[in-house]
N, C-alpha and C. Protein backbone atom coordinates (compact mmCIF):
# COMPACT_ATOMS: atom_id res chain seq x y z
N MET A 1 0.08 -42.36 -11.40
CA MET A 1 1.07 -43.13 -10.65
C MET A 1 0.45 -44.47 -10.26
N SER A 2 1.27 -45.45 -10.31
CA SER A 2 0.79 -46.78 -9.94
C SER A 2 0.93 -46.97 -8.44
N LYS A 3 0.25 -47.96 -7.93
CA LYS A 3 0.31 -48.24 -6.49
C LYS A 3 1.71 -48.62 -6.07
N GLN A 4 2.45 -49.29 -6.97
CA GLN A 4 3.80 -49.72 -6.62
C GLN A 4 4.72 -48.51 -6.47
N SER A 5 4.61 -47.53 -7.35
CA SER A 5 5.48 -46.35 -7.25
C SER A 5 5.13 -45.52 -6.01
N ILE A 6 3.85 -45.47 -5.65
CA ILE A 6 3.46 -44.77 -4.44
C ILE A 6 4.04 -45.48 -3.22
N SER A 7 3.98 -46.79 -3.21
CA SER A 7 4.54 -47.56 -2.09
C SER A 7 6.05 -47.39 -2.01
N GLU A 8 6.71 -47.35 -3.17
CA GLU A 8 8.17 -47.15 -3.17
C GLU A 8 8.53 -45.77 -2.64
N THR A 9 7.74 -44.77 -3.00
CA THR A 9 7.99 -43.41 -2.50
C THR A 9 7.80 -43.36 -1.00
N LYS A 10 6.76 -43.97 -0.49
CA LYS A 10 6.52 -44.01 0.96
C LYS A 10 7.65 -44.74 1.67
N LEU A 11 8.09 -45.86 1.07
CA LEU A 11 9.18 -46.63 1.68
C LEU A 11 10.46 -45.79 1.73
N ARG A 12 10.77 -45.08 0.64
CA ARG A 12 11.98 -44.26 0.61
C ARG A 12 11.92 -43.17 1.67
N LYS A 13 10.75 -42.53 1.83
CA LYS A 13 10.61 -41.49 2.86
C LYS A 13 10.78 -42.07 4.25
N LEU A 14 10.22 -43.26 4.48
CA LEU A 14 10.37 -43.89 5.80
C LEU A 14 11.82 -44.27 6.08
N LEU A 15 12.53 -44.72 5.05
CA LEU A 15 13.94 -45.08 5.24
C LEU A 15 14.78 -43.82 5.53
N GLU A 16 14.47 -42.71 4.84
CA GLU A 16 15.18 -41.45 5.11
C GLU A 16 14.91 -40.97 6.54
N LEU A 17 13.66 -41.06 6.96
CA LEU A 17 13.30 -40.67 8.32
C LEU A 17 14.03 -41.55 9.33
N ASN A 18 14.08 -42.82 9.06
CA ASN A 18 14.76 -43.76 9.96
C ASN A 18 16.24 -43.41 10.08
N GLU A 19 16.89 -43.04 8.99
CA GLU A 19 18.30 -42.67 9.03
C GLU A 19 18.50 -41.39 9.86
N LYS A 20 17.61 -40.43 9.69
CA LYS A 20 17.70 -39.18 10.47
C LYS A 20 17.54 -39.47 11.96
N LEU A 21 16.62 -40.36 12.29
CA LEU A 21 16.41 -40.70 13.69
C LEU A 21 17.63 -41.42 14.28
N LYS A 22 18.26 -42.27 13.48
CA LYS A 22 19.47 -42.95 13.94
C LYS A 22 20.59 -41.95 14.20
N GLU A 23 20.72 -40.94 13.32
CA GLU A 23 21.75 -39.91 13.52
C GLU A 23 21.49 -39.13 14.81
N GLN A 24 20.23 -38.80 15.06
CA GLN A 24 19.90 -38.06 16.28
C GLN A 24 20.16 -38.90 17.52
N LEU A 25 19.94 -40.19 17.42
CA LEU A 25 20.17 -41.08 18.55
C LEU A 25 21.65 -41.13 18.94
N GLU A 26 22.53 -40.94 17.97
CA GLU A 26 23.97 -41.01 18.22
C GLU A 26 24.54 -39.71 18.79
N LEU A 27 23.76 -38.63 18.78
CA LEU A 27 24.25 -37.36 19.31
C LEU A 27 24.46 -37.48 20.82
N SER A 28 25.52 -36.82 21.29
CA SER A 28 25.78 -36.85 22.73
C SER A 28 24.75 -36.00 23.45
N ARG A 29 24.36 -36.42 24.62
CA ARG A 29 23.34 -35.74 25.40
C ARG A 29 23.95 -35.27 26.72
N VAL A 30 23.42 -34.16 27.23
CA VAL A 30 23.85 -33.61 28.51
C VAL A 30 22.59 -33.40 29.34
N PRO A 31 22.57 -33.86 30.57
CA PRO A 31 21.39 -33.62 31.42
C PRO A 31 21.16 -32.12 31.61
N VAL A 32 19.91 -31.73 31.75
CA VAL A 32 19.55 -30.32 31.91
C VAL A 32 20.23 -29.73 33.14
N SER A 33 20.32 -30.49 34.22
CA SER A 33 20.95 -29.97 35.44
C SER A 33 22.42 -29.65 35.20
N GLU A 34 23.10 -30.49 34.43
CA GLU A 34 24.51 -30.26 34.13
C GLU A 34 24.67 -29.05 33.20
N ALA A 35 23.81 -28.92 32.20
CA ALA A 35 23.86 -27.77 31.29
C ALA A 35 23.57 -26.48 32.04
N SER A 36 22.60 -26.52 32.95
CA SER A 36 22.25 -25.33 33.74
C SER A 36 23.41 -24.91 34.62
N LYS A 37 24.03 -25.88 35.28
CA LYS A 37 25.17 -25.59 36.16
C LYS A 37 26.31 -24.98 35.35
N SER A 38 26.55 -25.52 34.17
CA SER A 38 27.61 -25.00 33.31
C SER A 38 27.32 -23.57 32.89
N LEU A 39 26.07 -23.28 32.56
CA LEU A 39 25.68 -21.92 32.17
C LEU A 39 25.82 -20.94 33.33
N ILE A 40 25.40 -21.37 34.51
CA ILE A 40 25.53 -20.51 35.71
C ILE A 40 27.00 -20.24 36.00
N ASP A 41 27.84 -21.27 35.95
CA ASP A 41 29.28 -21.08 36.19
C ASP A 41 29.88 -20.10 35.19
N TYR A 42 29.50 -20.25 33.93
CA TYR A 42 30.03 -19.35 32.90
C TYR A 42 29.62 -17.91 33.17
N CYS A 43 28.34 -17.70 33.49
CA CYS A 43 27.85 -16.35 33.72
C CYS A 43 28.48 -15.71 34.95
N GLN A 44 28.81 -16.52 35.94
CA GLN A 44 29.41 -15.98 37.16
C GLN A 44 30.90 -15.70 37.00
N THR A 45 31.55 -16.31 36.04
CA THR A 45 33.00 -16.14 35.90
C THR A 45 33.41 -15.27 34.72
N ASN A 46 32.49 -14.96 33.82
CA ASN A 46 32.82 -14.14 32.65
C ASN A 46 32.04 -12.83 32.71
N GLN A 47 32.77 -11.74 32.61
CA GLN A 47 32.14 -10.42 32.68
C GLN A 47 31.37 -10.15 31.39
N ASP A 48 30.18 -9.62 31.55
CA ASP A 48 29.36 -9.21 30.42
C ASP A 48 29.45 -7.70 30.32
N ARG A 49 30.10 -7.21 29.30
CA ARG A 49 30.31 -5.77 29.13
C ARG A 49 29.00 -5.03 28.92
N MET A 50 27.95 -5.73 28.59
CA MET A 50 26.65 -5.08 28.36
C MET A 50 25.90 -4.84 29.67
N VAL A 51 26.36 -5.43 30.78
CA VAL A 51 25.70 -5.24 32.07
C VAL A 51 26.74 -4.79 33.09
N PRO A 52 27.25 -3.56 32.94
CA PRO A 52 28.31 -3.11 33.85
C PRO A 52 27.83 -2.93 35.28
N SER A 53 26.52 -2.71 35.49
CA SER A 53 26.05 -2.51 36.86
C SER A 53 26.22 -3.78 37.69
N VAL A 54 26.25 -4.92 37.07
CA VAL A 54 26.44 -6.18 37.78
C VAL A 54 27.91 -6.39 38.11
N TRP A 55 28.81 -5.95 37.22
CA TRP A 55 30.23 -6.22 37.39
C TRP A 55 31.02 -5.04 37.95
N GLY A 56 30.36 -3.98 38.35
CA GLY A 56 31.04 -2.87 39.02
C GLY A 56 31.98 -2.10 38.12
N SER A 57 31.47 -1.52 37.08
CA SER A 57 32.28 -0.73 36.17
C SER A 57 32.43 0.69 36.70
N ARG A 58 33.49 1.38 36.28
CA ARG A 58 33.69 2.77 36.70
C ARG A 58 32.70 3.69 36.00
N HIS A 59 32.23 3.29 34.83
CA HIS A 59 31.29 4.10 34.07
C HIS A 59 29.87 3.68 34.42
N PRO A 60 28.97 4.64 34.55
CA PRO A 60 27.58 4.27 34.89
C PRO A 60 26.92 3.51 33.73
N ASP A 61 26.03 2.63 34.09
CA ASP A 61 25.30 1.84 33.11
C ASP A 61 24.21 2.72 32.50
N PRO A 62 24.27 3.02 31.21
CA PRO A 62 23.28 3.91 30.60
C PRO A 62 21.88 3.29 30.50
N PHE A 63 21.78 2.00 30.74
CA PHE A 63 20.50 1.32 30.60
C PHE A 63 19.73 1.17 31.91
N THR A 64 20.36 1.51 33.03
CA THR A 64 19.66 1.43 34.31
C THR A 64 18.96 2.75 34.60
N GLU A 65 17.93 2.66 35.43
CA GLU A 65 17.19 3.86 35.80
C GLU A 65 17.98 4.59 36.89
N PRO A 66 17.97 5.91 36.87
CA PRO A 66 18.69 6.65 37.92
C PRO A 66 18.09 6.35 39.30
N THR A 67 18.96 6.29 40.30
CA THR A 67 18.52 5.93 41.67
C THR A 67 18.56 7.13 42.61
N ALA A 68 18.77 8.32 42.10
CA ALA A 68 18.82 9.49 42.96
C ALA A 68 17.44 9.78 43.53
N GLY A 69 17.39 10.21 44.77
CA GLY A 69 16.11 10.51 45.42
C GLY A 69 15.43 9.22 45.87
N CYS A 70 14.13 9.33 46.12
CA CYS A 70 13.41 8.17 46.64
C CYS A 70 12.91 7.25 45.53
N GLY A 71 12.94 7.71 44.29
CA GLY A 71 12.48 6.90 43.19
C GLY A 71 10.97 6.93 42.99
N CYS A 72 10.29 7.87 43.73
CA CYS A 72 8.84 7.97 43.63
C CYS A 72 8.46 8.83 42.41
N ILE A 73 7.36 8.48 41.80
CA ILE A 73 6.87 9.24 40.67
C ILE A 73 5.44 9.66 40.99
N LEU A 74 5.19 10.97 40.91
CA LEU A 74 3.84 11.49 41.16
C LEU A 74 3.20 11.85 39.85
N MET A 75 1.93 11.51 39.72
CA MET A 75 1.22 11.84 38.48
C MET A 75 0.12 12.81 38.80
């Protein structure tokens, strides 16, 4: 390969990288505090069927530990 073709290849890669960076710059951004607040609001207003103990289901949550007795374990 000649020096000119190597330089052209490097230039093409730099131009491609520059285009990708321009595309990323145009993406809309949301502050972390706003995204966190939105996630908290969603979790508090939408029931998660996988965590019935949090939402007060009539059926017991099979994934929680039983709370009968004092919960002490002797070895």
